Amino acid sequence: MLPAEAFRTDPNRLALVAINLAILGLGWAMADQLDRWPGWWPLAFLPFALVMGNSVIVLLFTSHDLLHGSSLRGRAWRRAVGLLGLALLWMPPTLWQAVHNREHHSSTNSLSDPDRSYLESQPATWGKRIQHLFTPSDTVRPLWLVVGLASAWGVHNFRTITSVLLFNDGAPNFTPASFRVSQKERLLIGLELLAIVGLHAGVIVWLDGQPLKLLLAYFLPIWIGYAGVIAYIYTNHLLCPLTEINDPLANSLSLRVPRILDLLHLNFSYHTEHHIFPGLNSSYYPQVRRLLQEHYPERYQLLDGSEAWRLLLSTPRHYRDSFTLTNWRGDRQLAVPLSGATRASAGASV
């Protein structure tokens, strides 16, 4: 029901990587002159910091599609370009392909998914404590929510990198679900991480290590970018039940957002569509949505972005079972908001 070109690679998307890297480079070049701007003039850089933050978001979503094979053939080339696109996000492309493409997509929101929420029964490790502190819920404090928006992506990466580089035995309990990588992948992840450290060090040196330059042109764009990325990611699966069968209609949520956001962010709001066809050119996700609404109207999960966030902030974040959420103390429980159609069709829990 979809045209053949929807499944072909689109090298034109590589231009987005180049354009947004150029935007970041221009921002750093401008920021390098901030110590020559008189008085309060450096504050005029703030709007461009917002533009740079959006470039961080676009680089992740472009690299995300690239590493699913939608933009470029050849694994080595995809990883090379992915390294450039994911460097500011502290995500080695080999790790991304392992944790996202292989683990998350093959076992979405199941007990084996390293990207799911923690279970009530899991120990109170540092990973679980930080996620509880940062993640939107009915108990999260506004200050920690803001801190989490700017840093939860970094915490996720640190947690995941640590689990495979320092342990890689499937045993770490500070992740929601542990996984292993091959020795070759582990070596590549380590080398890519060193390259990322070098790129960040280069930017810091470029900005002379000066606090004002670093705040406006390094930390602020990264915080804005991470907040934009995680604001989408929080809605992808956290409102859905745990599932034994990897059914995107049950374990994934799509959003309605302003058209300008879909244009800027490569239709990332079409998340159920992405889980059905991970390598599809994202320009064709609206066609997939129309087909899902036609053929699965009772099961396709679609919410306004504001409604998804309202639900996140009014429900607990730990799974008691597949269809029940509970808080840290375990004295409050609510049904998973988007579990109705799944209960009716599956009739079973993990």
Protein backbone atom coordinates (compact mmCIF):
# COMPACT_ATOMS: atom_id res chain seq x y z
CA MET A 1 0.00 0.00 0.00
CA LEU A 2 3.08 2.25 0.06
CA PRO A 3 5.15 3.36 -2.94
CA ALA A 4 8.44 1.58 -3.58
CA GLU A 5 10.43 4.81 -3.22
CA ALA A 6 9.39 5.01 0.44
CA PHE A 7 11.77 2.13 1.14
CA ARG A 8 14.72 3.43 -0.89
CA THR A 9 17.68 5.22 0.66
CA ASP A 10 17.56 9.00 0.40
CA PRO A 11 21.11 10.43 0.31
CA ASN A 12 19.67 13.95 0.28
CA ARG A 13 19.15 13.60 4.03
CA LEU A 14 22.93 13.69 4.45
CA ALA A 15 22.75 17.39 3.60
CA LEU A 16 20.93 17.91 6.91
CA VAL A 17 23.95 16.58 8.78
CA ALA A 18 26.24 18.98 6.94
CA ILE A 19 23.89 21.97 7.35
CA ASN A 20 23.43 21.50 11.08
CA LEU A 21 27.11 20.84 11.71
CA ALA A 22 27.76 24.09 9.82
CA ILE A 23 25.25 25.91 12.06
CA LEU A 24 27.07 24.66 15.13
CA GLY A 25 30.45 25.61 13.67
CA LEU A 26 29.16 29.10 12.88
CA GLY A 27 27.84 29.43 16.42
CA TRP A 28 31.18 28.46 17.93
CA ALA A 29 33.00 30.87 15.60
CA MET A 30 30.68 33.68 16.69
CA ALA A 31 31.00 32.74 20.34
CA ASP A 32 34.78 32.83 20.09
CA GLN A 33 34.40 36.61 19.67
CA LEU A 34 32.06 37.14 22.61
CA ASP A 35 34.82 38.50 24.81
CA ARG A 36 35.07 41.41 22.35
CA TRP A 37 31.36 42.26 22.58
CA PRO A 38 30.76 45.21 24.94
CA GLY A 39 28.52 45.24 28.00
CA TRP A 40 25.41 43.08 27.77
CA TRP A 41 25.75 42.45 24.04
CA PRO A 42 26.71 38.77 24.54
CA LEU A 43 23.08 38.17 25.55
CA ALA A 44 22.20 38.84 21.91
CA PHE A 45 23.74 35.42 21.25
CA LEU A 46 20.86 33.67 23.07
CA PRO A 47 18.56 33.36 20.01
CA PHE A 48 21.37 31.69 18.09
CA ALA A 49 21.97 29.35 21.02
CA LEU A 50 18.35 28.25 20.52
CA VAL A 51 19.05 27.63 16.82
CA MET A 52 22.13 25.61 17.77
CA GLY A 53 20.05 23.61 20.24
CA ASN A 54 17.62 22.74 17.46
CA SER A 55 20.58 21.60 15.36
CA VAL A 56 21.50 19.14 18.12
CA ILE A 57 17.95 17.75 17.91
CA VAL A 58 18.04 17.52 14.11
CA LEU A 59 21.44 15.81 14.19
CA LEU A 60 20.08 13.09 16.47
CA PHE A 61 16.95 12.48 14.41
CA THR A 62 18.90 12.55 11.13
CA SER A 63 21.50 10.15 12.54
CA HIS A 64 18.70 7.98 13.92
CA ASP A 65 17.24 7.58 10.41
CA LEU A 66 20.70 7.20 8.87
CA LEU A 67 21.66 4.33 11.19
CA HIS A 68 18.41 2.58 10.34
CA GLY A 69 19.64 2.59 6.74
CA SER A 70 17.25 5.13 5.26
CA SER A 71 19.88 7.59 3.98
CA LEU A 72 23.08 5.74 3.09
CA ARG A 73 24.17 2.25 2.15
CA GLY A 74 27.27 0.68 3.68
CA ARG A 75 27.64 0.09 7.41
CA ALA A 76 31.07 1.73 7.66
CA TRP A 77 29.89 4.91 5.93
CA ARG A 78 26.77 5.07 8.10
CA ARG A 79 28.89 4.78 11.24
CA ALA A 80 31.34 7.45 10.06
CA VAL A 81 28.57 9.95 9.34
CA GLY A 82 26.70 8.83 12.46
CA LEU A 83 29.76 9.62 14.56
CA LEU A 84 29.66 13.23 13.36
CA GLY A 85 25.92 13.47 13.90
CA LEU A 86 25.89 11.88 17.35
CA ALA A 87 29.09 13.36 18.78
CA LEU A 88 27.41 16.24 20.63
CA LEU A 89 24.95 13.70 22.04
CA TRP A 90 27.74 11.53 23.49
CA MET A 91 26.44 8.46 21.68
CA PRO A 92 28.91 6.18 19.83
CA PRO A 93 27.12 5.02 16.65
CA THR A 94 28.08 1.38 17.24
CA LEU A 95 26.43 1.54 20.66
CA TRP A 96 23.37 3.21 19.15
CA GLN A 97 22.97 0.40 16.65
CA ALA A 98 23.28 -2.14 19.47
CA VAL A 99 21.01 -0.58 22.08
CA HIS A 100 18.48 1.08 19.78
CA ASN A 101 18.32 -0.85 16.52
CA ARG A 102 18.96 -4.33 17.91
CA GLU A 103 17.76 -4.33 21.52
CA HIS A 104 15.05 -1.67 21.69
CA HIS A 105 13.43 -2.36 18.33
CA SER A 106 13.43 -6.13 18.74
CA SER A 107 11.90 -6.10 22.24
CA THR A 108 10.14 -2.76 22.55
CA ASN A 109 8.77 -2.07 26.04
CA SER A 110 9.26 -5.66 27.14
CA LEU A 111 11.22 -6.95 30.10
CA SER A 112 14.26 -7.19 27.78
CA ASP A 113 14.11 -3.59 26.57
CA PRO A 114 16.98 -1.50 28.05
CA ASP A 115 15.00 1.68 27.29
CA ARG A 116 11.84 0.84 29.25
CA SER A 117 10.89 2.23 32.66
CA TYR A 118 12.06 0.40 35.77
CA LEU A 119 9.91 -2.21 37.49
CA GLU A 120 8.75 -1.69 41.06
CA SER A 121 10.46 -4.98 41.91
CA GLN A 122 13.88 -3.88 40.66
CA PRO A 123 16.43 -2.75 43.27
CA ALA A 124 16.80 0.95 44.07
CA THR A 125 20.09 1.39 42.18
CA TRP A 126 21.55 4.76 41.24
CA GLY A 127 20.09 4.39 37.76
CA LYS A 128 16.58 3.83 39.08
CA ARG A 129 16.90 6.64 41.62
CA ILE A 130 18.00 9.16 39.00
CA GLN A 131 15.24 8.15 36.60
CA HIS A 132 12.69 8.49 39.39
CA LEU A 133 14.05 11.93 40.23
CA PHE A 134 14.07 13.25 36.65
CA THR A 135 11.29 11.51 34.72
CA PRO A 136 7.87 13.20 34.39
CA SER A 137 5.39 11.68 36.83
CA ASP A 138 2.75 12.68 39.36
CA THR A 139 5.45 13.12 42.02
CA VAL A 140 8.31 14.77 40.12
CA ARG A 141 9.35 18.16 41.44
CA PRO A 142 9.39 21.01 38.88
CA LEU A 143 13.07 21.83 39.46
CA TRP A 144 14.15 18.22 38.99
CA LEU A 145 11.94 17.91 35.91
CA VAL A 146 13.75 20.87 34.32
CA VAL A 147 17.13 19.44 35.34
CA GLY A 148 16.05 16.10 33.92
CA LEU A 149 15.00 17.56 30.59
CA ALA A 150 18.48 18.99 30.16
CA SER A 151 20.40 15.96 31.43
CA ALA A 152 18.33 12.74 31.25
CA TRP A 153 19.68 11.97 27.78
CA GLY A 154 23.24 12.24 29.11
CA VAL A 155 22.41 10.06 32.11
CA HIS A 156 20.91 7.42 29.82
CA ASN A 157 24.06 7.38 27.70
CA PHE A 158 26.39 7.23 30.70
CA ARG A 159 24.37 4.36 32.15
CA THR A 160 24.37 2.44 28.87
CA ILE A 161 28.04 3.08 27.99
CA THR A 162 29.12 2.05 31.49
CA SER A 163 27.12 -1.18 31.32
CA VAL A 164 28.85 -2.40 28.14
CA LEU A 165 32.36 -0.94 28.48
CA LEU A 166 32.97 -1.77 32.16
CA PHE A 167 30.88 -4.93 32.51
CA ASN A 168 29.34 -6.34 29.30
CA ASP A 169 28.25 -9.50 31.08
CA GLY A 170 24.50 -8.93 31.10
CA ALA A 171 24.60 -8.55 34.89
CA PRO A 172 24.49 -4.78 35.68
CA ASN A 173 21.32 -3.99 37.60
CA PHE A 174 21.54 -0.21 37.28
CA THR A 175 19.93 -0.39 33.81
CA PRO A 176 16.26 -1.35 33.30
CA ALA A 177 17.45 -4.38 31.29
CA SER A 178 21.07 -5.29 30.61
CA PHE A 179 22.47 -6.55 27.33
CA ARG A 180 25.77 -7.62 25.80
CA VAL A 181 27.76 -6.49 22.78
CA SER A 182 30.39 -8.44 20.88
CA GLN A 183 34.08 -7.83 21.58
CA LYS A 184 34.42 -6.14 18.19
CA GLU A 185 31.50 -3.84 18.99
CA ARG A 186 32.96 -3.13 22.41
CA LEU A 187 36.27 -2.08 20.86
CA LEU A 188 34.52 0.13 18.30
CA ILE A 189 32.40 1.74 21.02
CA GLY A 190 35.54 2.54 23.03
CA LEU A 191 37.33 4.03 20.01
CA GLU A 192 34.28 6.06 18.99
CA LEU A 193 33.92 7.35 22.53
CA LEU A 194 37.55 8.53 22.46
CA ALA A 195 36.86 10.36 19.20
CA ILE A 196 33.79 12.00 20.77
CA VAL A 197 35.85 13.10 23.78
CA GLY A 198 38.37 14.60 21.37
CA LEU A 199 35.67 16.50 19.46
CA HIS A 200 34.23 17.97 22.67
CA ALA A 201 37.71 18.87 23.91
CA GLY A 202 38.36 20.60 20.59
CA VAL A 203 35.24 22.76 20.97
CA ILE A 204 36.19 23.67 24.54
CA VAL A 205 39.68 24.68 23.41
CA TRP A 206 38.19 26.64 20.49
CA LEU A 207 36.13 28.62 23.01
CA ASP A 208 39.26 29.22 25.11
CA GLY A 209 37.67 27.46 28.09
CA GLN A 210 36.03 30.77 29.02
CA PRO A 211 32.91 30.35 31.19
CA LEU A 212 30.68 32.81 29.29
CA LYS A 213 31.55 31.34 25.89
CA LEU A 214 31.09 27.80 27.14
CA LEU A 215 27.78 28.62 28.83
CA LEU A 216 26.21 30.35 25.81
CA ALA A 217 27.66 28.31 22.94
CA TYR A 218 28.42 24.88 24.39
CA PHE A 219 26.35 24.00 27.45
CA LEU A 220 23.19 25.96 26.59
CA PRO A 221 22.75 24.52 23.06
CA ILE A 222 23.44 21.03 24.40
CA TRP A 223 20.90 21.47 27.21
CA ILE A 224 18.29 22.81 24.77
CA GLY A 225 18.98 19.97 22.34
CA TYR A 226 18.80 17.29 25.01
CA ALA A 227 15.54 18.76 26.36
CA GLY A 228 13.96 18.74 22.90
CA VAL A 229 15.06 15.17 22.24
CA ILE A 230 13.94 13.76 25.58
CA ALA A 231 10.60 15.61 25.43
CA TYR A 232 9.76 13.42 22.44
CA ILE A 233 11.34 10.25 23.85
CA TYR A 234 9.40 10.41 27.12
CA THR A 235 6.16 10.12 25.14
CA ASN A 236 7.26 7.23 22.89
CA HIS A 237 6.53 4.31 25.23
CA LEU A 238 6.18 5.39 28.88
CA LEU A 239 2.38 5.58 28.67
CA CYS A 240 2.12 2.13 27.09
CA PRO A 241 1.92 -1.31 28.72
CA LEU A 242 4.74 -3.81 28.82
CA THR A 243 4.25 -6.36 26.06
CA GLU A 244 5.44 -9.91 25.43
CA ILE A 245 4.68 -9.69 21.71
CA ASN A 246 6.46 -6.81 20.00
CA ASP A 247 3.37 -5.06 18.65
CA PRO A 248 3.95 -1.35 17.89
CA LEU A 249 0.20 -0.71 18.03
CA ALA A 250 0.32 -1.76 21.68
CA ASN A 251 3.69 -0.53 22.94
CA SER A 252 4.23 2.71 21.01
CA LEU A 253 2.53 6.10 20.83
CA SER A 254 2.42 8.68 18.04
CA LEU A 255 1.84 12.37 18.59
CA ARG A 256 0.05 15.24 16.92
CA VAL A 257 2.38 18.25 17.07
CA PRO A 258 2.50 21.56 15.18
CA ARG A 259 3.45 21.02 11.54
CA ILE A 260 6.56 23.16 11.93
CA LEU A 261 7.95 20.64 14.45
CA ASP A 262 7.37 17.74 12.06
CA LEU A 263 9.14 19.69 9.32
CA LEU A 264 12.08 20.54 11.58
CA HIS A 265 12.35 17.13 13.25
CA LEU A 266 11.83 14.69 10.38
CA ASN A 267 8.39 13.48 11.53
CA PHE A 268 9.80 11.98 14.71
CA SER A 269 6.35 12.39 16.28
CA TYR A 270 5.19 9.50 14.05
CA HIS A 271 6.70 6.96 16.40
CA THR A 272 4.38 4.00 15.98
CA GLU A 273 4.90 4.33 12.25
CA HIS A 274 8.65 4.24 12.77
CA HIS A 275 8.47 1.05 14.83
CA ILE A 276 6.46 -0.66 12.10
CA PHE A 277 8.89 0.40 9.35
CA PRO A 278 12.21 1.42 11.01
CA GLY A 279 14.05 1.92 7.70
CA LEU A 280 11.27 3.82 5.95
CA ASN A 281 11.93 7.30 4.61
CA SER A 282 10.27 9.38 7.33
CA SER A 283 8.65 11.65 4.73
CA TYR A 284 6.20 8.78 4.12
CA TYR A 285 5.15 8.36 7.76
CA PRO A 286 1.96 10.45 7.20
CA GLN A 287 0.87 7.86 4.61
CA VAL A 288 1.48 5.07 7.13
CA ARG A 289 -0.59 6.99 9.70
CA ARG A 290 -3.52 7.28 7.31
CA LEU A 291 -3.37 3.53 6.60
CA LEU A 292 -3.22 2.68 10.31
CA GLN A 293 -6.19 4.92 11.03
CA GLU A 294 -8.08 3.23 8.22
CA HIS A 295 -7.24 -0.38 9.07
CA TYR A 296 -6.65 -0.30 12.86
CA PRO A 297 -8.73 2.64 14.15
CA GLU A 298 -9.50 0.95 17.47
CA ARG A 299 -5.85 0.11 18.23
CA TYR A 300 -3.75 2.90 16.75
CA GLN A 301 -2.58 5.18 19.60
CA LEU A 302 -2.40 8.88 18.73
CA LEU A 303 -2.46 11.82 21.14
CA ASP A 304 -1.79 15.53 21.05
CA GLY A 305 1.66 16.24 22.41
CA SER A 306 0.16 18.33 25.22
CA GLU A 307 -2.21 15.51 26.21
CA ALA A 308 0.64 12.98 26.28
CA TRP A 309 2.58 15.23 28.61
CA ARG A 310 -0.48 15.80 30.80
CA LEU A 311 -0.77 12.03 31.23
CA LEU A 312 2.94 11.69 31.98
CA LEU A 313 2.68 14.28 34.74
CA SER A 314 -0.42 12.72 36.28
CA THR A 315 0.68 9.08 36.52
CA PRO A 316 3.42 7.14 38.37
CA ARG A 317 6.45 5.88 36.40
CA HIS A 318 7.31 2.42 37.75
CA TYR A 319 5.69 -0.75 36.43
CA ARG A 320 4.05 -2.99 39.04
CA ASP A 321 2.97 -5.29 36.22
CA SER A 322 2.31 -4.95 32.49
CA PHE A 323 -0.82 -2.85 32.94
CA THR A 324 -0.22 -1.17 36.31
CA LEU A 325 1.95 1.79 37.27
CA THR A 326 3.01 2.59 40.82
CA ASN A 327 5.06 5.22 42.61
CA TRP A 328 8.39 4.91 44.42
CA ARG A 329 6.81 3.97 47.75
CA GLY A 330 4.39 1.53 46.13
CA ASP A 331 1.38 3.02 47.94
CA ARG A 332 -0.37 4.35 44.83
CA GLN A 333 -1.22 2.52 41.67
CA LEU A 334 -2.96 3.41 38.41
CA ALA A 335 -3.73 1.57 35.22
CA VAL A 336 -1.31 2.23 32.35
CA PRO A 337 -3.09 5.03 30.43
CA LEU A 338 -2.93 3.39 26.99
CA SER A 339 -3.65 -0.19 27.99
CA GLY A 340 -7.32 -0.58 27.01
CA ALA A 341 -6.92 -1.83 23.44
CA THR A 342 -3.95 -3.98 24.44
CA ARG A 343 -5.90 -5.72 27.20
CA ALA A 344 -8.74 -6.43 24.85
CA SER A 345 -6.52 -7.88 22.12
CA ALA A 346 -3.87 -9.63 24.18
CA GLY A 347 -5.66 -10.67 27.34
CA ALA A 348 -2.35 -11.42 29.07
CA SER A 349 0.46 -9.62 30.87
CA VAL A 350 4.21 -10.07 31.00
